[in-house]
Amino acid sequence: MNQHNKFESVQPIEGYYIDTDKTKIDINVVYGYISNSYWAKDIPIEVLTKAIANSLCFAVYTVDDQQVGFARLITDKASFAYLADVFILEQHRGKGLSKWLIHDIMTHPEIVGLRRMMLATRDAHGLYAQFGFLPIENPEILMQIWRPSIYLSSQNDD
């Protein structure tokens, strides 16, 4: 196993599959979850649709093609990626789907070997730590523009 892939193998979960085909994504499922999330509350569907179009996306489906999970990478596929919008619908949790999803993302040929991958999470540190994510050692080098209420204010401008 190479230095970029030191986590344990994760087996597929019976009754589910993961696909990167964006044409299969059920925007209503993704929007229903993301627009109610703590990180993108009230995101306009047009913004989410554009974000999906410009990302490397992974979706989790049941064998009868019902979407139950999602994640996307904002990446140049050469040196950097930001993992975003990761979720598994509540009724499908507890089966190992999120671990399988992150494993598939981390072993995807287009991103193995990136110099840096980042994410932000309020409550899933244990999941991501299994795949090598660590707290930022030198946060003083990072800067951001953060507008947590941007989607709320853009709706009020109508």
N, C-alpha and C. Protein backbone atom coordinates (compact mmCIF):
# COMPACT_ATOMS: atom_id res chain seq x y z
N MET A 1 0.84 -1.18 0.00
CA MET A 1 0.00 0.00 0.00
C MET A 1 0.89 1.25 0.00
N ASN A 2 0.57 2.24 -0.81
CA ASN A 2 1.43 3.42 -0.89
C ASN A 2 1.18 4.38 0.27
N GLN A 3 2.01 5.37 0.40
CA GLN A 3 1.92 6.29 1.54
C GLN A 3 0.64 7.11 1.54
N HIS A 4 -0.03 7.23 0.42
CA HIS A 4 -1.24 8.02 0.34
C HIS A 4 -2.48 7.21 0.65
N ASN A 5 -2.32 5.91 0.89
CA ASN A 5 -3.46 5.04 1.04
C ASN A 5 -3.18 4.03 2.16
N LYS A 6 -3.01 4.51 3.38
CA LYS A 6 -2.62 3.64 4.48
C LYS A 6 -3.82 3.12 5.28
N PHE A 7 -5.02 3.48 4.93
CA PHE A 7 -6.18 3.03 5.68
C PHE A 7 -6.61 1.65 5.21
N GLU A 8 -7.40 1.00 6.04
CA GLU A 8 -7.82 -0.37 5.73
C GLU A 8 -8.80 -0.40 4.55
N SER A 9 -8.83 -1.55 3.90
CA SER A 9 -9.76 -1.75 2.80
C SER A 9 -11.18 -1.79 3.33
N VAL A 10 -12.10 -1.29 2.56
CA VAL A 10 -13.51 -1.33 2.92
C VAL A 10 -14.25 -2.08 1.83
N GLN A 11 -15.02 -3.06 2.22
CA GLN A 11 -15.76 -3.88 1.28
C GLN A 11 -17.05 -3.19 0.87
N PRO A 12 -17.48 -3.40 -0.37
CA PRO A 12 -18.80 -2.90 -0.78
C PRO A 12 -19.88 -3.45 0.14
N ILE A 13 -20.96 -2.74 0.25
CA ILE A 13 -22.06 -3.13 1.12
C ILE A 13 -23.20 -3.66 0.27
N GLU A 14 -23.61 -4.85 0.59
CA GLU A 14 -24.65 -5.52 -0.19
C GLU A 14 -25.91 -4.66 -0.24
N GLY A 15 -26.46 -4.55 -1.45
CA GLY A 15 -27.68 -3.77 -1.65
C GLY A 15 -27.43 -2.33 -2.05
N TYR A 16 -26.15 -1.92 -2.15
CA TYR A 16 -25.79 -0.54 -2.48
C TYR A 16 -24.66 -0.53 -3.50
N TYR A 17 -24.52 0.61 -4.17
CA TYR A 17 -23.36 0.82 -5.02
C TYR A 17 -23.03 2.32 -5.05
N ILE A 18 -21.81 2.64 -5.43
CA ILE A 18 -21.34 4.02 -5.52
C ILE A 18 -21.01 4.30 -6.98
N ASP A 19 -21.42 5.47 -7.45
CA ASP A 19 -21.22 5.83 -8.85
C ASP A 19 -20.77 7.29 -8.94
N THR A 20 -19.91 7.58 -9.92
CA THR A 20 -19.44 8.95 -10.14
C THR A 20 -20.11 9.60 -11.35
N ASP A 21 -21.09 8.95 -11.92
CA ASP A 21 -21.81 9.48 -13.08
C ASP A 21 -22.77 10.59 -12.63
N LYS A 22 -22.43 11.82 -12.95
CA LYS A 22 -23.25 12.97 -12.52
C LYS A 22 -24.64 12.96 -13.13
N THR A 23 -24.81 12.31 -14.27
CA THR A 23 -26.13 12.30 -14.90
C THR A 23 -27.13 11.47 -14.10
N LYS A 24 -26.65 10.63 -13.21
CA LYS A 24 -27.54 9.80 -12.38
C LYS A 24 -27.95 10.48 -11.09
N ILE A 25 -27.30 11.56 -10.72
CA ILE A 25 -27.57 12.22 -9.44
C ILE A 25 -29.00 12.71 -9.39
N ASP A 26 -29.66 12.40 -8.29
CA ASP A 26 -31.02 12.89 -8.04
C ASP A 26 -30.90 14.22 -7.31
N ILE A 27 -31.00 15.31 -8.06
CA ILE A 27 -30.80 16.64 -7.48
C ILE A 27 -31.79 16.92 -6.36
N ASN A 28 -32.98 16.34 -6.43
CA ASN A 28 -33.96 16.56 -5.36
C ASN A 28 -33.51 15.95 -4.04
N VAL A 29 -32.88 14.79 -4.09
CA VAL A 29 -32.34 14.16 -2.88
C VAL A 29 -31.20 15.00 -2.33
N VAL A 30 -30.26 15.36 -3.20
CA VAL A 30 -29.10 16.14 -2.76
C VAL A 30 -29.54 17.50 -2.22
N TYR A 31 -30.39 18.19 -2.97
CA TYR A 31 -30.85 19.50 -2.54
C TYR A 31 -31.66 19.41 -1.23
N GLY A 32 -32.49 18.39 -1.13
CA GLY A 32 -33.28 18.21 0.09
C GLY A 32 -32.42 18.10 1.32
N TYR A 33 -31.29 17.43 1.19
CA TYR A 33 -30.39 17.27 2.33
C TYR A 33 -29.52 18.50 2.54
N ILE A 34 -28.83 18.91 1.50
CA ILE A 34 -27.84 20.00 1.62
C ILE A 34 -28.51 21.31 2.02
N SER A 35 -29.67 21.61 1.47
CA SER A 35 -30.33 22.89 1.78
C SER A 35 -30.85 22.95 3.21
N ASN A 36 -30.84 21.83 3.91
CA ASN A 36 -31.23 21.79 5.32
C ASN A 36 -30.05 21.49 6.23
N SER A 37 -28.85 21.44 5.67
CA SER A 37 -27.65 21.11 6.46
C SER A 37 -27.16 22.33 7.23
N TYR A 38 -26.34 22.07 8.24
CA TYR A 38 -25.77 23.18 9.01
C TYR A 38 -24.76 23.97 8.19
N TRP A 39 -24.17 23.37 7.16
CA TRP A 39 -23.11 24.04 6.41
C TRP A 39 -23.59 24.78 5.17
N ALA A 40 -24.79 24.51 4.68
CA ALA A 40 -25.27 25.19 3.47
C ALA A 40 -26.78 25.42 3.55
N LYS A 41 -27.25 25.77 4.72
CA LYS A 41 -28.68 26.01 4.93
C LYS A 41 -29.21 27.00 3.90
N ASP A 42 -30.29 26.60 3.24
CA ASP A 42 -30.99 27.45 2.28
C ASP A 42 -30.20 27.78 1.02
N ILE A 43 -29.22 26.96 0.68
CA ILE A 43 -28.48 27.18 -0.56
C ILE A 43 -29.47 27.17 -1.73
N PRO A 44 -29.39 28.12 -2.62
CA PRO A 44 -30.27 28.08 -3.80
C PRO A 44 -29.96 26.86 -4.67
N ILE A 45 -30.96 26.25 -5.23
CA ILE A 45 -30.76 25.04 -6.03
C ILE A 45 -29.85 25.32 -7.23
N GLU A 46 -29.90 26.55 -7.77
CA GLU A 46 -29.03 26.90 -8.90
C GLU A 46 -27.56 26.88 -8.49
N VAL A 47 -27.27 27.32 -7.28
CA VAL A 47 -25.89 27.31 -6.78
C VAL A 47 -25.42 25.88 -6.58
N LEU A 48 -26.27 25.06 -5.98
CA LEU A 48 -25.91 23.66 -5.76
C LEU A 48 -25.72 22.92 -7.08
N THR A 49 -26.58 23.16 -8.03
CA THR A 49 -26.47 22.52 -9.35
C THR A 49 -25.15 22.90 -10.02
N LYS A 50 -24.77 24.16 -9.93
CA LYS A 50 -23.50 24.62 -10.50
C LYS A 50 -22.31 23.99 -9.77
N ALA A 51 -22.42 23.88 -8.44
CA ALA A 51 -21.35 23.26 -7.66
C ALA A 51 -21.15 21.80 -8.07
N ILE A 52 -22.24 21.08 -8.24
CA ILE A 52 -22.17 19.68 -8.66
C ILE A 52 -21.54 19.59 -10.06
N ALA A 53 -21.96 20.45 -10.96
CA ALA A 53 -21.45 20.41 -12.33
C ALA A 53 -19.93 20.62 -12.38
N ASN A 54 -19.39 21.34 -11.41
CA ASN A 54 -17.97 21.68 -11.41
C ASN A 54 -17.16 20.90 -10.39
N SER A 55 -17.68 19.77 -9.95
CA SER A 55 -16.99 18.95 -8.95
C SER A 55 -16.90 17.50 -9.41
N LEU A 56 -16.01 16.76 -8.77
CA LEU A 56 -15.95 15.31 -8.93
C LEU A 56 -16.90 14.75 -7.89
N CYS A 57 -17.99 14.14 -8.34
CA CYS A 57 -19.07 13.73 -7.44
C CYS A 57 -19.13 12.21 -7.28
N PHE A 58 -19.55 11.80 -6.10
CA PHE A 58 -19.74 10.40 -5.74
C PHE A 58 -21.12 10.29 -5.13
N ALA A 59 -21.92 9.36 -5.64
CA ALA A 59 -23.26 9.16 -5.09
C ALA A 59 -23.44 7.71 -4.68
N VAL A 60 -24.17 7.52 -3.60
CA VAL A 60 -24.47 6.18 -3.11
C VAL A 60 -25.92 5.88 -3.46
N TYR A 61 -26.13 4.69 -4.03
CA TYR A 61 -27.46 4.28 -4.47
C TYR A 61 -27.80 2.90 -3.91
N THR A 62 -29.09 2.64 -3.76
CA THR A 62 -29.54 1.27 -3.51
C THR A 62 -29.49 0.55 -4.85
N VAL A 63 -29.57 -0.78 -4.81
CA VAL A 63 -29.52 -1.54 -6.06
C VAL A 63 -30.69 -1.22 -6.98
N ASP A 64 -31.77 -0.63 -6.44
CA ASP A 64 -32.87 -0.21 -7.31
C ASP A 64 -32.77 1.28 -7.66
N ASP A 65 -31.54 1.81 -7.59
CA ASP A 65 -31.19 3.16 -8.08
C ASP A 65 -31.81 4.32 -7.29
N GLN A 66 -32.10 4.10 -6.03
CA GLN A 66 -32.55 5.20 -5.17
C GLN A 66 -31.31 5.82 -4.52
N GLN A 67 -31.12 7.12 -4.72
CA GLN A 67 -29.93 7.76 -4.15
C GLN A 67 -30.12 7.94 -2.64
N VAL A 68 -29.08 7.54 -1.88
CA VAL A 68 -29.14 7.62 -0.42
C VAL A 68 -27.93 8.34 0.17
N GLY A 69 -26.99 8.75 -0.67
CA GLY A 69 -25.81 9.44 -0.16
C GLY A 69 -25.12 10.22 -1.25
N PHE A 70 -24.18 11.06 -0.82
CA PHE A 70 -23.52 11.96 -1.77
C PHE A 70 -22.26 12.52 -1.14
N ALA A 71 -21.31 12.87 -1.98
CA ALA A 71 -20.13 13.64 -1.60
C ALA A 71 -19.55 14.24 -2.87
N ARG A 72 -18.84 15.34 -2.71
CA ARG A 72 -18.19 15.92 -3.89
C ARG A 72 -16.82 16.45 -3.50
N LEU A 73 -15.94 16.43 -4.50
CA LEU A 73 -14.60 16.97 -4.35
C LEU A 73 -14.46 18.17 -5.27
N ILE A 74 -14.01 19.26 -4.71
CA ILE A 74 -13.62 20.42 -5.50
C ILE A 74 -12.11 20.23 -5.66
N THR A 75 -11.66 19.99 -6.90
CA THR A 75 -10.28 19.59 -7.07
C THR A 75 -9.71 19.96 -8.43
N ASP A 76 -8.39 20.11 -8.46
CA ASP A 76 -7.68 20.25 -9.73
C ASP A 76 -7.18 18.89 -10.21
N LYS A 77 -7.41 17.85 -9.42
CA LYS A 77 -7.03 16.47 -9.73
C LYS A 77 -5.52 16.29 -9.88
N ALA A 78 -4.76 17.26 -9.42
CA ALA A 78 -3.30 17.17 -9.51
C ALA A 78 -2.64 17.35 -8.15
N SER A 79 -3.06 18.38 -7.40
CA SER A 79 -2.37 18.66 -6.14
C SER A 79 -3.30 18.97 -4.97
N PHE A 80 -4.56 19.30 -5.22
CA PHE A 80 -5.42 19.77 -4.13
C PHE A 80 -6.87 19.33 -4.33
N ALA A 81 -7.53 19.06 -3.21
CA ALA A 81 -8.97 18.79 -3.23
C ALA A 81 -9.59 19.24 -1.91
N TYR A 82 -10.82 19.65 -2.00
CA TYR A 82 -11.61 19.98 -0.82
C TYR A 82 -12.83 19.07 -0.85
N LEU A 83 -13.01 18.29 0.20
CA LEU A 83 -14.13 17.37 0.30
C LEU A 83 -15.32 18.10 0.90
N ALA A 84 -16.47 18.00 0.23
CA ALA A 84 -17.63 18.78 0.66
C ALA A 84 -18.92 17.99 0.50
N ASP A 85 -19.94 18.46 1.20
CA ASP A 85 -21.32 18.00 1.02
C ASP A 85 -21.49 16.50 1.18
N VAL A 86 -20.82 15.94 2.16
CA VAL A 86 -20.88 14.50 2.40
C VAL A 86 -22.10 14.18 3.27
N PHE A 87 -22.92 13.23 2.80
CA PHE A 87 -24.03 12.77 3.63
C PHE A 87 -24.51 11.39 3.21
N ILE A 88 -25.12 10.72 4.16
CA ILE A 88 -25.89 9.50 3.96
C ILE A 88 -27.24 9.78 4.59
N LEU A 89 -28.32 9.52 3.88
CA LEU A 89 -29.65 9.74 4.43
C LEU A 89 -29.81 8.93 5.72
N GLU A 90 -30.49 9.52 6.68
CA GLU A 90 -30.59 8.95 8.02
C GLU A 90 -31.05 7.50 8.04
N GLN A 91 -32.04 7.16 7.24
CA GLN A 91 -32.58 5.80 7.27
C GLN A 91 -31.60 4.75 6.74
N HIS A 92 -30.48 5.19 6.16
CA HIS A 92 -29.48 4.26 5.63
C HIS A 92 -28.18 4.30 6.42
N ARG A 93 -28.17 5.02 7.53
CA ARG A 93 -26.97 5.11 8.36
C ARG A 93 -26.80 3.86 9.21
N GLY A 94 -25.60 3.69 9.72
CA GLY A 94 -25.32 2.55 10.59
C GLY A 94 -24.97 1.28 9.85
N LYS A 95 -24.77 1.37 8.55
CA LYS A 95 -24.44 0.20 7.73
C LYS A 95 -23.02 0.25 7.20
N GLY A 96 -22.30 1.31 7.49
CA GLY A 96 -20.94 1.46 6.99
C GLY A 96 -20.85 2.19 5.66
N LEU A 97 -21.96 2.79 5.22
CA LEU A 97 -21.96 3.47 3.91
C LEU A 97 -21.05 4.68 3.88
N SER A 98 -21.01 5.46 4.95
CA SER A 98 -20.15 6.65 4.93
C SER A 98 -18.68 6.25 4.88
N LYS A 99 -18.31 5.22 5.60
CA LYS A 99 -16.92 4.74 5.57
C LYS A 99 -16.58 4.23 4.17
N TRP A 100 -17.48 3.48 3.57
CA TRP A 100 -17.27 2.97 2.21
C TRP A 100 -17.16 4.12 1.22
N LEU A 101 -18.03 5.13 1.36
CA LEU A 101 -18.01 6.29 0.47
C LEU A 101 -16.67 7.02 0.57
N ILE A 102 -16.21 7.30 1.78
CA ILE A 102 -14.93 8.01 1.94
C ILE A 102 -13.78 7.15 1.41
N HIS A 103 -13.83 5.85 1.65
CA HIS A 103 -12.80 4.96 1.11
C HIS A 103 -12.75 5.05 -0.42
N ASP A 104 -13.91 5.00 -1.06
CA ASP A 104 -13.94 5.09 -2.52
C ASP A 104 -13.41 6.42 -3.02
N ILE A 105 -13.72 7.48 -2.32
CA ILE A 105 -13.19 8.79 -2.69
C ILE A 105 -11.67 8.80 -2.56
N MET A 106 -11.18 8.34 -1.43
CA MET A 106 -9.74 8.40 -1.16
C MET A 106 -8.92 7.49 -2.07
N THR A 107 -9.54 6.49 -2.65
CA THR A 107 -8.81 5.57 -3.54
C THR A 107 -9.13 5.82 -5.01
N HIS A 108 -9.89 6.86 -5.29
CA HIS A 108 -10.24 7.17 -6.68
C HIS A 108 -8.96 7.53 -7.44
N PRO A 109 -8.73 6.93 -8.60
CA PRO A 109 -7.47 7.15 -9.32
C PRO A 109 -7.17 8.60 -9.66
N GLU A 110 -8.19 9.42 -9.81
CA GLU A 110 -7.93 10.82 -10.19
C GLU A 110 -7.46 11.68 -9.03
N ILE A 111 -7.52 11.16 -7.80
CA ILE A 111 -7.08 12.00 -6.68
C ILE A 111 -6.01 11.36 -5.80
N VAL A 112 -5.69 10.10 -6.03
CA VAL A 112 -4.63 9.47 -5.25
C VAL A 112 -3.33 10.23 -5.50
N GLY A 113 -2.64 10.58 -4.43
CA GLY A 113 -1.36 11.28 -4.57
C GLY A 113 -1.45 12.79 -4.50
N LEU A 114 -2.62 13.33 -4.19
CA LEU A 114 -2.72 14.78 -4.05
C LEU A 114 -1.85 15.26 -2.89
N ARG A 115 -1.32 16.45 -3.03
CA ARG A 115 -0.48 17.02 -1.97
C ARG A 115 -1.29 17.41 -0.75
N ARG A 116 -2.50 17.94 -0.97
CA ARG A 116 -3.32 18.38 0.16
C ARG A 116 -4.79 18.11 -0.14
N MET A 117 -5.47 17.60 0.87
CA MET A 117 -6.92 17.45 0.81
C MET A 117 -7.47 18.02 2.11
N MET A 118 -8.50 18.81 1.99
CA MET A 118 -9.07 19.46 3.17
C MET A 118 -10.57 19.21 3.25
N LEU A 119 -11.10 19.46 4.43
CA LEU A 119 -12.53 19.43 4.64
C LEU A 119 -12.83 20.20 5.91
N ALA A 120 -14.09 20.48 6.10
CA ALA A 120 -14.55 21.08 7.36
C ALA A 120 -15.71 20.22 7.84
N THR A 121 -15.70 19.92 9.13
CA THR A 121 -16.78 19.13 9.71
C THR A 121 -17.02 19.57 11.14
N ARG A 122 -18.25 19.51 11.54
CA ARG A 122 -18.62 19.84 12.91
C ARG A 122 -18.69 18.59 13.77
N ASP A 123 -19.00 17.44 13.13
CA ASP A 123 -19.34 16.28 13.94
C ASP A 123 -18.86 14.93 13.44
N ALA A 124 -18.01 14.89 12.42
CA ALA A 124 -17.59 13.59 11.87
C ALA A 124 -16.07 13.40 11.89
N HIS A 125 -15.41 13.97 12.86
CA HIS A 125 -13.96 13.87 12.95
C HIS A 125 -13.49 12.42 13.02
N GLY A 126 -14.21 11.57 13.74
CA GLY A 126 -13.82 10.17 13.87
C GLY A 126 -13.82 9.44 12.54
N LEU A 127 -14.81 9.70 11.71
CA LEU A 127 -14.86 9.09 10.39
C LEU A 127 -13.65 9.49 9.56
N TYR A 128 -13.42 10.78 9.45
CA TYR A 128 -12.35 11.26 8.58
C TYR A 128 -10.95 10.92 9.10
N ALA A 129 -10.79 10.84 10.41
CA ALA A 129 -9.50 10.48 10.98
C ALA A 129 -9.07 9.08 10.54
N GLN A 130 -10.04 8.19 10.31
CA GLN A 130 -9.72 6.83 9.84
C GLN A 130 -9.03 6.85 8.48
N PHE A 131 -9.17 7.95 7.76
CA PHE A 131 -8.61 8.05 6.41
C PHE A 131 -7.44 9.04 6.34
N GLY A 132 -6.90 9.39 7.49
CA GLY A 132 -5.70 10.21 7.53
C GLY A 132 -5.92 11.70 7.72
N PHE A 133 -7.15 12.16 7.81
CA PHE A 133 -7.39 13.58 8.05
C PHE A 133 -7.02 13.91 9.49
N LEU A 134 -6.32 15.02 9.68
CA LEU A 134 -5.86 15.47 10.99
C LEU A 134 -6.25 16.92 11.18
N PRO A 135 -6.34 17.37 12.43
CA PRO A 135 -6.52 18.81 12.64
C PRO A 135 -5.35 19.56 12.00
N ILE A 136 -5.60 20.76 11.59
CA ILE A 136 -4.56 21.55 10.92
C ILE A 136 -3.49 21.93 11.94
N GLU A 137 -2.26 21.54 11.63
CA GLU A 137 -1.14 21.80 12.53
C GLU A 137 -0.71 23.26 12.53
N ASN A 138 -0.88 23.90 11.41
CA ASN A 138 -0.42 25.29 11.28
C ASN A 138 -1.54 26.17 10.74
N PRO A 139 -2.61 26.35 11.51
CA PRO A 139 -3.74 27.12 11.00
C PRO A 139 -3.39 28.57 10.69
N GLU A 140 -2.30 29.05 11.23
CA GLU A 140 -1.91 30.45 10.98
C GLU A 140 -1.55 30.70 9.52
N ILE A 141 -1.30 29.66 8.73
CA ILE A 141 -0.98 29.87 7.31
C ILE A 141 -2.23 29.93 6.44
N LEU A 142 -3.36 29.54 7.00
CA LEU A 142 -4.60 29.50 6.22
C LEU A 142 -5.41 30.77 6.43
N MET A 143 -6.07 31.18 5.39
CA MET A 143 -6.98 32.32 5.46
C MET A 143 -8.25 31.94 4.73
N GLN A 144 -9.30 32.67 4.99
CA GLN A 144 -10.56 32.37 4.32
C GLN A 144 -11.43 33.61 4.23
N ILE A 145 -12.32 33.56 3.30
CA ILE A 145 -13.47 34.45 3.28
C ILE A 145 -14.65 33.54 3.60
N TRP A 146 -15.34 33.83 4.66
CA TRP A 146 -16.43 32.96 5.11
C TRP A 146 -17.68 33.79 5.31
N ARG A 147 -18.68 33.44 4.57
CA ARG A 147 -19.96 34.16 4.62
C ARG A 147 -21.06 33.15 4.95
N PRO A 148 -21.18 32.77 6.22
CA PRO A 148 -22.11 31.70 6.58
C PRO A 148 -23.58 32.00 6.31
N SER A 149 -23.94 33.24 6.16
CA SER A 149 -25.35 33.59 5.92
C SER A 149 -25.61 34.03 4.48
N ILE A 150 -24.68 33.77 3.58
CA ILE A 150 -24.80 34.29 2.23
C ILE A 150 -26.07 33.81 1.53
N TYR A 151 -26.48 32.58 1.76
CA TYR A 151 -27.68 32.07 1.07
C TYR A 151 -28.93 32.69 1.64
N LEU A 152 -28.93 33.00 2.92
CA LEU A 152 -30.09 33.67 3.52
C LEU A 152 -30.22 35.07 2.99
N SER A 153 -29.11 35.80 2.89
CA SER A 153 -29.18 37.19 2.41
C SER A 153 -29.52 37.26 0.93
N SER A 154 -29.05 36.29 0.14
CA SER A 154 -29.36 36.34 -1.30
C SER A 154 -30.83 36.10 -1.55
N GLN A 155 -31.49 35.35 -0.69
CA GLN A 155 -32.93 35.12 -0.85
C GLN A 155 -33.73 36.36 -0.46
N ASN A 156 -33.19 37.11 0.47
CA ASN A 156 -33.89 38.33 0.91
C ASN A 156 -33.78 39.46 -0.10
N ASP A 157 -32.86 39.31 -1.08
CA ASP A 157 -32.69 40.35 -2.08
C ASP A 157 -33.73 40.30 -3.18
N ASP A 158 -34.53 39.21 -3.23
CA ASP A 158 -35.54 39.05 -4.28
C ASP A 158 -36.66 40.06 -4.17
